[in-house]
Protein backbone atom coordinates (compact mmCIF):
# COMPACT_ATOMS: atom_id res chain seq x y z
CA MET A 1 168.55 150.92 76.05
CA ALA A 2 167.30 147.49 77.58
CA HIS A 3 167.97 144.21 76.47
CA LEU A 4 167.98 140.57 76.71
CA LEU A 5 171.38 138.52 76.64
CA VAL A 6 170.03 135.04 75.51
CA GLU A 7 172.45 132.11 75.81
CA VAL A 8 173.22 130.31 72.54
CA LYS A 9 173.64 126.63 72.69
CA ARG A 10 176.81 125.76 70.63
CA ARG A 11 179.79 123.93 71.34
CA SER A 12 181.75 127.02 72.48
CA GLY A 13 178.93 128.58 74.41
CA GLY A 14 177.90 132.08 73.91
CA TRP A 15 175.23 134.87 74.10
CA THR A 16 173.29 136.82 71.83
CA ALA A 17 171.69 140.33 72.48
CA VAL A 18 167.92 140.78 71.91
CA PRO A 19 167.05 144.67 72.03
CA LEU A 20 164.14 145.86 73.89
CA ASP A 21 163.74 148.88 72.03
CA GLY A 22 161.20 150.86 69.84
CA ASP A 23 157.89 152.13 70.69
CA ASP A 24 156.98 148.73 72.02
CA GLU A 25 155.97 148.57 75.89
CA ALA A 26 155.19 144.97 76.05
CA PHE A 27 157.73 141.90 75.12
CA PHE A 28 156.35 138.36 75.04
CA LEU A 29 159.12 135.78 76.23
CA THR A 30 158.55 132.64 74.24
CA GLY A 31 160.94 130.15 75.73
CA ASP A 32 161.91 129.33 72.13
CA PRO A 33 165.86 129.61 71.80
CA ALA A 34 165.21 130.18 67.85
CA ASN A 35 162.74 133.18 68.66
CA PRO A 36 162.92 134.34 72.35
CA VAL A 37 161.20 137.74 72.38
CA MET A 38 158.08 138.93 70.45
CA THR A 39 156.77 142.16 70.25
CA ASN A 40 153.24 140.77 70.62
CA GLY A 41 151.82 137.77 72.00
CA GLY A 42 148.82 137.76 69.40
CA ASP A 43 147.05 134.42 69.08
CA GLU A 44 150.03 132.57 70.29
CA CYS A 45 149.54 133.93 73.88
CA SER A 46 148.97 131.09 76.39
CA PRO A 47 147.73 130.74 79.79
CA SER A 48 151.31 130.34 80.88
CA ALA A 49 152.16 133.60 79.11
CA VAL A 50 155.34 135.60 80.17
CA TYR A 51 155.78 139.34 79.56
CA VAL A 52 158.43 141.81 80.28
CA ILE A 53 156.78 145.31 80.10
CA ARG A 54 158.29 148.94 80.22
CA HIS A 55 156.83 151.62 82.40
CA ASN A 56 157.63 154.92 81.81
CA GLU A 57 158.55 157.10 84.84
CA CYS A 58 159.75 160.49 85.65
CA ASN A 59 163.19 159.05 86.49
CA GLY A 60 163.44 156.70 83.58
CA ASP A 61 162.06 153.56 82.52
CA ARG A 62 161.24 150.69 84.85
CA TRP A 63 160.85 147.13 83.71
CA LYS A 64 158.66 144.31 85.22
CA LEU A 65 158.24 140.69 84.72
CA PHE A 66 154.58 139.42 84.28
CA ALA A 67 154.05 135.75 84.58
CA ALA A 68 150.71 133.54 84.65
CA PRO A 69 150.52 131.59 87.67
CA GLU A 70 150.91 128.43 85.54
CA ALA A 71 154.00 129.89 83.99
CA GLU A 72 157.28 127.98 85.15
CA VAL A 73 159.30 130.96 85.20
CA TYR A 74 162.79 131.48 87.46
CA LEU A 75 164.14 134.70 88.31
CA ASN A 76 167.74 134.37 89.63
CA GLY A 77 167.44 130.74 90.30
CA GLN A 78 164.13 131.02 92.38
CA ARG A 79 160.73 130.12 90.99
CA VAL A 80 158.57 133.10 90.42
CA SER A 81 155.59 132.87 92.81
CA LEU A 82 154.05 136.11 92.45
CA CYS A 83 152.66 137.14 89.18
CA MET A 84 154.52 140.42 89.11
CA GLN A 85 158.48 141.08 89.64
CA VAL A 86 160.34 144.27 89.26
CA LEU A 87 163.54 143.48 86.81
CA ARG A 88 166.76 144.84 87.83
CA ASP A 89 170.16 145.23 85.74
CA LYS A 90 171.66 141.71 85.66
CA ASP A 91 168.64 139.62 86.51
CA GLU A 92 168.78 136.05 85.21
CA LEU A 93 165.53 134.51 83.66
CA ARG A 94 164.62 131.07 82.67
CA ILE A 95 161.36 130.09 81.10
CA GLY A 96 160.89 126.24 81.75
CA GLN A 97 163.75 124.55 80.15
CA SER A 98 164.75 127.34 78.24
CA PRO A 99 168.30 128.74 77.61
CA ARG A 100 169.14 131.37 80.46
CA MET A 101 168.55 134.85 79.71
CA ARG A 102 169.92 137.92 81.41
CA PHE A 103 167.97 141.22 81.62
CA SER A 104 170.42 144.28 81.22
CA THR A 105 169.91 148.15 81.22
CA GLY A 106 173.62 148.51 80.26
CA ARG A 107 174.67 149.85 77.02
CA LEU A 108 175.81 147.31 74.39
CA ALA A 109 179.34 147.96 73.04
CA GLY A 110 179.53 148.78 69.59
CA VAL A 111 182.33 149.69 66.83
């Protein structure tokens, strides 16, 4: 299951996992540390919208980043100049001045 690891700003630092699961195919990245991912953009969608979208393919899911040209989005430290990028495991995302996020297709450890 894919997920985003979102950097949490605290004294000790840290990360929190946000699963990209369920039946949803589109995930709106808000850039808000308190609520970094929404499953629908709804009325809050802006011209600088950023989405992660799941595409089902015969050999598994493929994840793509879609960003409006006006959006200030960075993928692995480079400004996204194309409106669509294929995401790979361990890619780092940043929207404007938001905390860093890491895309992961790895399995989260559990007890």
